[in-house]
Protein backbone atom coordinates (compact mmCIF):
# COMPACT_ATOMS: atom_id res chain seq x y z
CA MET A 1 0.00 0.00 0.00
CA THR A 2 1.31 3.45 -0.91
CA ASP A 3 2.22 5.65 2.04
CA LYS A 4 0.12 8.81 1.64
CA THR A 5 1.76 10.63 4.55
CA ILE A 6 2.78 14.15 3.55
CA ARG A 7 6.27 14.87 4.84
CA LEU A 8 7.92 18.24 5.35
CA GLN A 9 11.61 17.67 5.94
CA GLY A 10 14.13 20.28 7.03
CA ILE A 11 12.05 23.21 5.77
CA SER A 12 13.88 26.50 6.30
CA GLN A 13 13.10 29.93 4.92
CA VAL A 14 15.46 32.89 5.10
CA PHE A 15 14.64 36.29 3.64
CA ASP A 16 17.66 38.43 2.78
CA ASN A 17 17.08 42.02 1.70
CA GLY A 18 20.80 42.79 1.39
CA VAL A 19 20.86 44.51 4.77
CA GLU A 20 19.74 41.75 7.09
CA ARG A 21 18.84 38.07 7.01
CA VAL A 22 15.59 37.03 8.69
CA GLN A 23 15.01 33.37 9.53
CA ILE A 24 11.26 32.71 9.20
CA LEU A 25 11.27 28.89 9.32
CA ASN A 26 14.05 26.94 10.98
CA ASN A 27 14.62 23.31 9.93
CA LEU A 28 10.95 22.40 10.35
CA ASN A 29 9.99 18.71 10.18
CA LEU A 30 6.36 17.60 10.05
CA ASP A 31 4.63 14.38 9.03
CA ILE A 32 0.89 14.56 8.28
CA PRO A 33 -0.76 11.14 7.88
CA GLU A 34 -3.42 10.70 5.21
CA GLY A 35 -6.81 11.99 6.34
CA GLN A 36 -5.51 13.91 9.34
CA PHE A 37 -7.01 17.33 10.16
CA LEU A 38 -4.19 19.44 11.59
CA SER A 39 -4.61 22.92 13.08
CA ILE A 40 -1.74 25.41 13.29
CA ILE A 41 -1.65 28.32 15.72
CA GLY A 42 1.04 30.88 16.46
CA GLY A 43 1.60 34.58 16.83
CA ASN A 44 2.29 37.07 14.07
CA GLY A 45 5.61 36.28 12.45
CA ALA A 46 5.63 32.70 13.68
CA GLY A 47 5.90 31.42 10.10
CA LYS A 48 2.39 30.08 9.50
CA THR A 49 1.65 31.92 6.24
CA THR A 50 5.19 31.39 4.97
CA LEU A 51 4.75 27.66 5.56
CA PHE A 52 1.48 27.64 3.60
CA ASN A 53 3.09 29.59 0.75
CA ILE A 54 5.90 27.04 0.58
CA ILE A 55 3.52 24.07 0.62
CA ASN A 56 1.27 25.70 -1.98
CA GLY A 57 4.16 26.57 -4.30
CA ASN A 58 3.90 30.35 -4.03
CA LEU A 59 7.35 30.38 -2.43
CA SER A 60 10.38 28.10 -2.77
CA PRO A 61 12.01 27.12 0.53
CA THR A 62 15.61 28.09 1.21
CA ALA A 63 16.16 24.46 2.18
CA GLY A 64 14.16 21.29 2.67
CA SER A 65 11.79 18.95 0.88
CA ILE A 66 8.02 18.39 0.62
CA LEU A 67 7.14 14.79 -0.08
CA PHE A 68 3.85 13.72 -1.68
CA ASP A 69 3.72 9.98 -2.44
CA GLY A 70 7.44 9.93 -1.72
CA LYS A 71 8.19 12.52 -4.43
CA ASN A 72 9.74 15.87 -3.59
CA ILE A 73 7.58 18.70 -4.95
CA ALA A 74 9.43 21.56 -3.22
CA ARG A 75 10.66 22.96 -6.56
CA ARG A 76 7.49 22.23 -8.49
CA SER A 77 5.54 25.31 -9.62
CA HIS A 78 2.29 26.44 -8.02
CA SER A 79 0.32 25.53 -11.14
CA ALA A 80 1.90 22.08 -11.24
CA ARG A 81 0.56 21.43 -7.74
CA ALA A 82 -3.03 22.39 -8.62
CA GLY A 83 -4.15 18.78 -8.83
CA LEU A 84 -2.64 17.98 -5.44
CA ILE A 85 -3.39 20.97 -3.24
CA ALA A 86 -6.40 23.26 -2.74
CA ARG A 87 -6.30 26.42 -0.63
CA VAL A 88 -9.10 28.47 0.92
CA TYR A 89 -8.13 31.98 1.95
CA GLN A 90 -9.39 34.32 4.67
CA ASP A 91 -10.97 36.72 2.18
CA PRO A 92 -14.12 35.14 0.67
CA ASN A 93 -13.48 37.13 -2.52
CA PHE A 94 -10.28 35.21 -3.26
CA GLY A 95 -11.99 31.87 -3.84
CA VAL A 96 -14.44 32.82 -6.57
CA CYS A 97 -14.52 34.81 -9.79
CA PRO A 98 -17.13 37.48 -8.95
CA GLU A 99 -18.39 38.01 -12.51
CA LEU A 100 -19.05 34.30 -13.06
CA THR A 101 -22.12 32.50 -11.80
CA ILE A 102 -21.99 29.90 -9.04
CA ALA A 103 -22.33 27.18 -11.69
CA GLU A 104 -19.51 28.63 -13.81
CA ASN A 105 -17.22 28.92 -10.79
CA MET A 106 -17.94 25.33 -9.83
CA ALA A 107 -17.36 24.13 -13.39
CA LEU A 108 -13.90 25.70 -13.35
CA ALA A 109 -13.12 24.06 -10.00
CA ASN A 110 -14.38 20.73 -11.29
CA SER A 111 -11.81 20.87 -14.10
CA ARG A 112 -8.87 21.57 -11.77
CA GLY A 113 -5.91 19.35 -12.53
CA LYS A 114 -7.54 17.98 -15.68
CA ALA A 115 -6.50 18.53 -19.28
CA ARG A 116 -8.52 21.40 -20.75
CA GLY A 117 -9.42 21.66 -24.41
CA LEU A 118 -11.40 24.29 -26.24
CA GLY A 119 -14.75 22.73 -25.47
CA ARG A 120 -17.38 24.10 -23.15
CA ALA A 121 -16.43 24.17 -19.47
CA MET A 122 -20.00 23.24 -18.48
CA LYS A 123 -20.75 19.68 -19.46
CA LYS A 124 -24.08 17.96 -19.64
CA GLY A 125 -25.16 16.88 -16.21
CA ASP A 126 -22.90 19.35 -14.39
CA LEU A 127 -25.78 21.54 -13.25
CA SER A 128 -27.55 18.58 -11.68
CA PHE A 129 -24.33 17.49 -9.99
CA PHE A 130 -23.64 20.99 -8.61
CA LYS A 131 -27.23 21.35 -7.45
CA GLU A 132 -27.04 18.05 -5.60
CA LYS A 133 -23.79 19.01 -3.88
CA LEU A 134 -25.10 22.43 -2.78
CA ALA A 135 -28.40 21.00 -1.55
CA GLU A 136 -26.49 18.92 1.01
CA PHE A 137 -25.77 22.08 3.00
CA ASP A 138 -29.44 23.07 3.28
CA LEU A 139 -28.64 26.76 2.72
CA GLY A 140 -30.69 27.30 -0.44
CA LEU A 141 -27.59 27.75 -2.59
CA GLU A 142 -28.79 25.06 -5.00
CA THR A 143 -31.45 27.54 -6.19
CA MET A 144 -28.82 30.19 -7.04
CA LEU A 145 -26.67 28.41 -9.62
CA ARG A 146 -27.28 31.14 -12.21
CA LYS A 147 -26.51 33.92 -9.74
CA LYS A 148 -23.24 35.85 -10.05
CA ALA A 149 -20.81 35.25 -7.19
CA SER A 150 -20.52 39.02 -6.70
CA LEU A 151 -24.11 39.05 -5.42
CA LEU A 152 -23.47 36.50 -2.65
CA SER A 153 -22.74 37.26 0.98
CA GLY A 154 -19.26 36.58 2.37
CA GLY A 155 -20.49 33.43 4.10
CA GLN A 156 -22.15 32.13 0.94
CA ARG A 157 -18.99 32.75 -1.06
CA GLN A 158 -16.93 30.86 1.50
CA VAL A 159 -19.29 27.87 1.36
CA ILE A 160 -18.97 27.86 -2.44
CA THR A 161 -15.20 28.18 -2.15
CA LEU A 162 -15.00 25.24 0.26
CA LEU A 163 -17.07 23.07 -2.01
CA MET A 164 -15.03 24.10 -5.04
CA ALA A 165 -11.82 23.27 -3.18
CA THR A 166 -13.00 19.75 -2.40
CA LEU A 167 -14.85 18.78 -5.60
CA GLN A 168 -11.81 16.92 -6.93
CA ARG A 169 -10.74 15.68 -3.47
CA PRO A 170 -7.24 17.17 -3.30
CA GLN A 171 -4.48 15.28 -1.54
CA LEU A 172 -4.13 18.29 0.75
CA LEU A 173 -6.56 21.05 1.71
CA LEU A 174 -5.08 24.28 3.13
CA LEU A 175 -7.45 26.45 5.17
CA ASP A 176 -5.85 29.86 5.64
CA GLU A 177 -7.85 31.47 8.48
CA HIS A 178 -10.89 30.80 6.32
CA THR A 179 -13.46 32.01 8.89
CA ALA A 180 -11.59 35.06 10.22
CA ALA A 181 -13.46 37.57 8.01
CA LEU A 182 -16.92 36.26 8.94
CA ASP A 183 -19.23 37.10 11.84
CA PRO A 184 -19.28 34.50 14.67
CA LYS A 185 -22.56 32.86 13.65
CA ILE A 186 -21.55 32.38 10.01
CA ALA A 187 -18.04 31.35 11.05
CA LYS A 188 -19.55 28.57 13.17
CA GLN A 189 -21.60 27.37 10.18
CA ILE A 190 -18.52 27.37 7.96
CA MET A 191 -16.54 25.37 10.54
CA GLU A 192 -19.28 22.74 10.76
CA ILE A 193 -19.41 22.50 6.97
CA THR A 194 -15.60 22.21 6.98
CA ARG A 195 -15.74 19.38 9.50
CA ARG A 196 -18.34 17.55 7.44
CA LEU A 197 -16.47 17.86 4.13
CA VAL A 198 -13.14 16.83 5.63
CA GLU A 199 -14.53 13.87 7.56
CA GLU A 200 -16.76 12.56 4.76
CA GLN A 201 -14.01 12.71 2.14
CA LYS A 202 -11.14 11.94 4.53
CA ILE A 203 -9.14 14.83 3.12
CA THR A 204 -5.76 15.56 4.65
CA THR A 205 -6.20 19.11 5.94
CA ILE A 206 -4.09 21.85 7.52
CA MET A 207 -5.90 24.83 9.04
CA ILE A 208 -4.32 28.06 10.25
CA SER A 209 -6.47 29.67 12.92
CA HIS A 210 -6.27 32.52 15.42
CA ASN A 211 -9.44 31.23 17.08
CA MET A 212 -8.22 29.15 20.02
CA SER A 213 -11.60 27.47 20.52
CA ASP A 214 -11.75 26.34 16.89
CA ALA A 215 -8.17 25.08 17.06
CA ILE A 216 -9.13 22.92 20.06
CA ASN A 217 -12.59 21.81 18.98
CA TYR A 218 -11.91 20.96 15.34
CA GLY A 219 -9.43 18.55 13.87
CA ASP A 220 -7.33 15.68 15.14
CA ARG A 221 -4.09 17.43 15.99
CA LEU A 222 -2.83 20.87 17.01
CA ILE A 223 0.62 22.37 16.64
CA MET A 224 1.97 25.76 17.69
CA LEU A 225 4.67 27.60 15.75
CA LYS A 226 6.98 30.06 17.41
CA GLY A 227 10.09 31.55 15.83
CA GLY A 228 9.70 29.28 12.84
CA GLU A 229 9.79 26.10 14.93
CA ILE A 230 7.17 23.70 16.27
CA VAL A 231 6.99 24.26 20.03
CA MET A 232 3.83 22.22 20.75
CA ASP A 233 2.33 19.17 19.07
CA VAL A 234 -0.75 17.58 20.70
CA SER A 235 -3.57 15.29 19.65
CA GLY A 236 -6.28 13.06 21.11
CA ASP A 237 -7.26 13.54 24.75
CA GLU A 238 -4.34 15.90 25.34
CA LYS A 239 -5.66 18.24 22.69
CA SER A 240 -9.29 17.95 23.82
CA ALA A 241 -8.34 18.81 27.41
CA LEU A 242 -6.78 22.14 26.42
CA THR A 243 -8.53 25.43 27.08
CA PRO A 244 -8.20 28.70 25.12
CA ALA A 245 -6.71 30.32 28.23
CA GLU A 246 -3.98 27.67 28.39
CA LEU A 247 -3.09 28.22 24.76
CA ILE A 248 -2.83 31.97 25.27
CA VAL A 249 -0.40 31.36 28.14
CA LYS A 250 1.71 29.14 25.86
CA PHE A 251 1.76 31.97 23.31
CA GLU A 252 3.39 34.19 25.90
CA GLU A 253 5.95 31.71 27.24
């Protein structure tokens, strides 16, 4: 059986502006078993976003390797990783093309990682498939397939973005503070939808969060970054027993 564990080995990132060198990530090692939901917390400058940019291919690491199926993709371009990795950003506007309809956005997502010809992006049966997927959330979005994404609320856009990110079941889903821009009620809905999608499809997932309660209550494992290094790594009962107050104290240690 193929080992689907995603391995980050010796990941370091140094930014040098000619005046000073800043070490953002320092020889970071992390194994993420297939299907695991991992949350990452840490203060500003801890290296969370840099780590995501390296995994996603927006940034090449100064040193280290990223292994998918045993193959190092650390030097592979962002576009070459599109079939492996999906990312949902904090800003709901980043995940959709506002001038396209919900159906058109979903059709583009459904073709991610596939060869594209000059034919129509919307294939026969796609509308029914999209409608069925949206109806599962019981939010009425299945009745809005012809509606432009620009007319949706932030929460609705983020639901669409989440679904688009998981249509092709990526090997890795990156959630980049994906509820931070939403009000608490909608953020809770999005987190429950996230839990459902990840658990049903068994998608390996990494979530950056500044919400200590979400970091504790969602996912299988929790790590804290500080100074570009992992300073805490908990799971199971140890993770469940944590409180937001305890995590805040660890931030300040």
